[in-house]
Amino acid sequence: MSLVEISSVNKGYRSGGEFTPVLSGLRMDVARGEMIIIMGPSGSGKTTLMNILGGIDVPDSGRVEIDGENIARYGPVELTDFRRRKVGFIFQFYNLIPTLTARENVELSLETVSNDREANSERAARYLGLVGLEDKMDSFPQEMSGGQQQRVAVARALAKEPIIVLADEPTGNLDGAREESIMELMKDIQRDLGITFFIVTHNDKLKKYADRVMELGNGILVENGD
């Protein structure tokens, strides 16, 4: 059974009386636990697609079913609840709060899930351990390398225990060795926890980590068989 089913999704934006289509009749069918890499030129609609998958935006028409919920029908309050319950986000620029430690950065992401501060602290520690940062829990971002900061970002996304993780150029600021380390970490997590990953990237080197690679262009998503 599919975890994510998108059908006949159309999305465009109007500016100054002019309408620009971005996604046209888009379809996608993804099983639970897959790692999907989405590629395409700038302006092809990758960010729009990720925003729709993450419940940040809604399509103009079509169906977006994730874990049995057709979120295309949701309003702002329902979408916020959906993101809180089921989606983790990993960004290119880490987005860590510099005045908080690694543990506190992860704990902050859990405040919308639970008011139990002790339980949140224990969960944050568990997921920082999962990404190999047992010895950095009380370190501030400026005291960590880029790769370590991205591992904190991964732990922050996972600590909510989402069903899908959306990653936007997650290795864009890392060198080759750290890039491989982060991707191998996410593959391990995919295998061990059964989380479904959607990764947007321009980096061809990341294709080897994907279960499937999809190309987005002219509003159409096509599976790449390379």
Protein backbone atom coordinates (compact mmCIF):
# COMPACT_ATOMS: atom_id res chain seq x y z
CA MET A 1 0.00 0.00 0.00
CA SER A 2 1.27 3.45 -0.90
CA LEU A 3 2.14 5.95 1.80
CA VAL A 4 1.96 8.93 -0.58
CA GLU A 5 -0.43 9.16 -3.52
CA ILE A 6 -0.60 12.34 -5.57
CA SER A 7 -2.89 12.54 -8.56
CA SER A 8 -3.86 15.26 -11.04
CA VAL A 9 -2.19 17.98 -8.97
CA ASN A 10 -2.10 21.44 -10.53
CA LYS A 11 -0.52 24.49 -8.96
CA GLY A 12 0.26 27.95 -10.24
CA TYR A 13 0.70 31.49 -9.01
CA ARG A 14 -0.92 34.74 -10.04
CA SER A 15 1.04 37.99 -10.03
CA GLY A 16 -0.02 41.29 -11.49
CA GLY A 17 -2.96 39.69 -13.25
CA GLU A 18 -0.73 37.09 -14.91
CA PHE A 19 -1.01 33.38 -14.06
CA THR A 20 2.10 31.17 -14.14
CA PRO A 21 1.54 27.40 -14.00
CA VAL A 22 4.10 25.47 -11.96
CA LEU A 23 2.78 21.91 -11.57
CA SER A 24 0.58 20.38 -14.28
CA GLY A 25 -1.35 17.17 -13.70
CA LEU A 26 1.41 15.88 -11.43
CA ARG A 27 1.28 12.27 -10.26
CA MET A 28 3.34 10.40 -7.66
CA ASP A 29 3.02 7.06 -5.90
CA VAL A 30 5.49 6.33 -3.09
CA ALA A 31 5.68 3.32 -0.78
CA ARG A 32 6.41 3.57 2.92
CA GLY A 33 10.12 3.58 3.63
CA GLU A 34 11.36 4.70 0.21
CA MET A 35 14.04 7.32 -0.36
CA ILE A 36 13.02 9.53 -3.27
CA ILE A 37 15.40 12.05 -4.83
CA ILE A 38 13.78 14.83 -6.83
CA MET A 39 15.91 16.75 -9.33
CA GLY A 40 15.24 19.50 -11.82
CA PRO A 41 16.42 22.95 -12.90
CA SER A 42 15.80 26.09 -10.85
CA GLY A 43 12.22 27.23 -11.24
CA SER A 44 10.95 23.77 -12.16
CA GLY A 45 8.63 23.58 -9.14
CA LYS A 46 10.66 21.46 -6.73
CA THR A 47 10.07 23.81 -3.81
CA THR A 48 6.37 24.04 -4.66
CA LEU A 49 6.12 20.25 -4.66
CA MET A 50 7.93 19.97 -1.32
CA ASN A 51 5.67 22.65 0.19
CA ILE A 52 2.62 20.67 -0.91
CA LEU A 53 4.02 17.41 0.48
CA GLY A 54 4.79 19.16 3.77
CA GLY A 55 1.40 20.79 4.14
CA ILE A 56 2.86 24.28 3.81
CA ASP A 57 0.88 24.94 0.64
CA VAL A 58 -2.11 23.33 -1.07
CA PRO A 59 -2.67 22.57 -4.77
CA ASP A 60 -5.16 24.44 -6.90
CA SER A 61 -6.70 21.08 -7.75
CA GLY A 62 -5.98 17.38 -7.39
CA ARG A 63 -5.50 14.88 -4.59
CA VAL A 64 -2.61 14.66 -2.12
CA GLU A 65 -3.07 11.62 0.10
CA ILE A 66 -0.44 10.98 2.77
CA ASP A 67 -0.90 8.12 5.22
CA GLY A 68 -4.60 8.03 4.39
CA GLU A 69 -5.19 11.77 4.75
CA ASN A 70 -6.16 13.88 1.73
CA ILE A 71 -4.37 17.03 2.86
CA ALA A 72 -5.35 18.90 -0.32
CA ARG A 73 -8.71 19.47 1.39
CA TYR A 74 -7.24 20.78 4.64
CA GLY A 75 -7.41 24.35 5.89
CA PRO A 76 -4.58 26.16 7.75
CA VAL A 77 -5.36 24.70 11.18
CA GLU A 78 -5.57 21.13 9.87
CA LEU A 79 -2.36 21.57 7.86
CA THR A 80 -0.51 22.83 10.93
CA ASP A 81 -1.65 19.77 12.88
CA PHE A 82 -0.63 17.49 9.99
CA ARG A 83 2.89 18.99 9.89
CA ARG A 84 3.21 18.66 13.65
CA ARG A 85 2.23 15.00 13.63
CA LYS A 86 3.72 13.58 10.47
CA VAL A 87 6.42 15.70 8.81
CA GLY A 88 10.07 16.38 9.58
CA PHE A 89 12.09 19.02 7.74
CA ILE A 90 15.85 19.17 7.01
CA PHE A 91 17.24 22.34 5.43
CA GLN A 92 20.45 23.22 3.62
CA PHE A 93 21.38 25.93 6.12
CA TYR A 94 20.72 23.89 9.31
CA ASN A 95 18.55 26.66 10.87
CA LEU A 96 19.85 25.95 14.37
CA ILE A 97 19.34 28.60 17.05
CA PRO A 98 22.87 29.74 17.99
CA THR A 99 22.07 30.46 21.64
CA LEU A 100 20.76 26.94 22.27
CA THR A 101 22.75 23.74 22.70
CA ALA A 102 22.30 20.78 20.41
CA ARG A 103 19.94 19.13 22.89
CA GLU A 104 17.95 22.35 23.35
CA ASN A 105 17.61 22.82 19.59
CA VAL A 106 16.08 19.35 19.32
CA GLU A 107 13.91 19.85 22.41
CA LEU A 108 12.48 23.03 20.92
CA SER A 109 11.10 21.09 17.96
CA LEU A 110 9.23 18.83 20.39
CA GLU A 111 7.30 21.57 22.18
CA THR A 112 4.45 21.25 19.68
CA VAL A 113 4.32 17.50 20.34
CA SER A 114 4.50 17.31 24.13
CA ASN A 115 4.54 19.61 27.17
CA ASP A 116 6.54 17.08 29.19
CA ARG A 117 9.94 18.77 29.36
CA GLU A 118 11.69 15.80 30.98
CA ALA A 119 10.37 13.40 28.34
CA ASN A 120 11.33 15.83 25.57
CA SER A 121 14.85 16.10 26.95
CA GLU A 122 15.18 12.32 27.06
CA ARG A 123 13.86 11.99 23.51
CA ALA A 124 16.24 14.70 22.26
CA ALA A 125 19.17 12.88 23.85
CA ARG A 126 18.06 9.57 22.31
CA TYR A 127 17.93 10.97 18.79
CA LEU A 128 21.20 12.89 19.14
CA GLY A 129 22.70 9.57 20.15
CA LEU A 130 21.14 7.96 17.08
CA VAL A 131 23.04 10.39 14.84
CA GLY A 132 26.29 9.90 16.74
CA LEU A 133 26.38 13.10 18.78
CA GLU A 134 26.36 11.72 22.32
CA ASP A 135 29.36 13.88 23.18
CA LYS A 136 27.97 17.10 21.63
CA MET A 137 24.60 17.39 23.37
CA ASP A 138 25.66 20.41 25.42
CA SER A 139 27.63 22.09 22.61
CA PHE A 140 26.43 25.22 20.85
CA PRO A 141 26.25 25.33 17.04
CA GLN A 142 29.40 27.48 16.73
CA GLU A 143 31.30 24.79 18.62
CA MET A 144 30.45 22.14 16.03
CA SER A 145 31.51 21.44 12.46
CA GLY A 146 29.12 21.83 9.55
CA GLY A 147 28.60 18.09 9.40
CA GLN A 148 27.83 17.93 13.12
CA GLN A 149 25.36 20.79 12.82
CA GLN A 150 23.58 18.97 10.00
CA ARG A 151 23.41 15.87 12.20
CA VAL A 152 21.67 17.99 14.84
CA ALA A 153 19.24 19.10 12.12
CA VAL A 154 18.61 15.45 11.22
CA ALA A 155 18.01 14.57 14.88
CA ARG A 156 15.64 17.54 15.19
CA ALA A 157 13.60 16.30 12.22
CA LEU A 158 13.51 12.71 13.47
CA ALA A 159 12.73 13.42 17.12
CA LYS A 160 9.13 14.22 16.21
CA GLU A 161 8.98 10.64 14.90
CA PRO A 162 7.43 11.66 11.57
CA ILE A 163 6.34 9.34 8.79
CA ILE A 164 8.00 11.46 6.10
CA VAL A 165 11.09 13.66 6.10
CA LEU A 166 11.51 16.43 3.52
CA ALA A 167 15.12 17.44 2.90
CA ASP A 168 16.02 20.48 0.79
CA GLU A 169 19.65 20.23 -0.43
CA PRO A 170 20.66 18.61 2.89
CA THR A 171 24.33 18.32 1.85
CA GLY A 172 24.58 21.60 -0.05
CA ASN A 173 26.93 23.21 2.47
CA LEU A 174 29.10 20.16 3.12
CA ASP A 175 32.31 18.88 1.58
CA GLY A 176 32.51 15.46 -0.05
CA ALA A 177 33.36 13.42 3.05
CA ARG A 178 30.71 15.05 5.22
CA GLU A 179 28.21 14.77 2.37
CA GLU A 180 28.70 11.01 2.24
CA SER A 181 28.49 10.76 6.02
CA ILE A 182 25.11 12.54 6.14
CA MET A 183 23.66 10.55 3.25
CA GLU A 184 24.82 7.24 4.74
CA LEU A 185 23.30 8.30 8.05
CA MET A 186 19.95 9.00 6.39
CA LYS A 187 20.06 5.65 4.55
CA ASP A 188 20.67 3.89 7.86
CA ILE A 189 17.73 5.73 9.41
CA GLN A 190 15.54 4.94 6.41
CA ARG A 191 16.34 1.24 6.77
CA ASP A 192 16.17 1.02 10.56
CA LEU A 193 13.14 3.24 11.23
CA GLY A 194 11.21 2.85 7.98
CA ILE A 195 10.95 6.61 7.42
CA THR A 196 10.14 7.86 3.92
CA PHE A 197 12.56 10.52 2.64
CA PHE A 198 12.00 13.09 -0.11
CA ILE A 199 15.26 14.82 -1.02
CA VAL A 200 15.52 17.77 -3.39
CA THR A 201 19.00 18.25 -4.82
CA HIS A 202 21.02 19.39 -7.82
CA ASN A 203 23.83 17.00 -6.89
CA ASP A 204 24.08 13.98 -9.22
CA LYS A 205 26.34 12.23 -6.68
CA LEU A 206 23.37 11.68 -4.38
CA LYS A 207 21.48 9.55 -6.91
CA LYS A 208 23.23 6.39 -5.72
CA TYR A 209 21.50 6.68 -2.34
CA ALA A 210 17.98 6.82 -3.79
CA ASP A 211 15.50 4.04 -4.25
CA ARG A 212 14.11 6.13 -7.09
CA VAL A 213 15.14 9.37 -8.80
CA MET A 214 12.47 11.65 -10.23
CA GLU A 215 13.00 14.58 -12.60
CA LEU A 216 10.70 17.60 -12.44
CA GLY A 217 10.43 19.82 -15.50
CA ASN A 218 7.69 21.80 -17.22
CA GLY A 219 5.39 20.95 -14.34
CA ILE A 220 5.67 17.19 -14.98
CA LEU A 221 7.35 14.60 -12.74
CA VAL A 222 9.08 11.74 -14.57
CA GLU A 223 10.93 8.81 -13.05
CA ASN A 224 14.57 8.66 -14.06
CA GLY A 225 15.65 5.12 -14.92
CA ASP A 226 19.40 5.84 -15.01
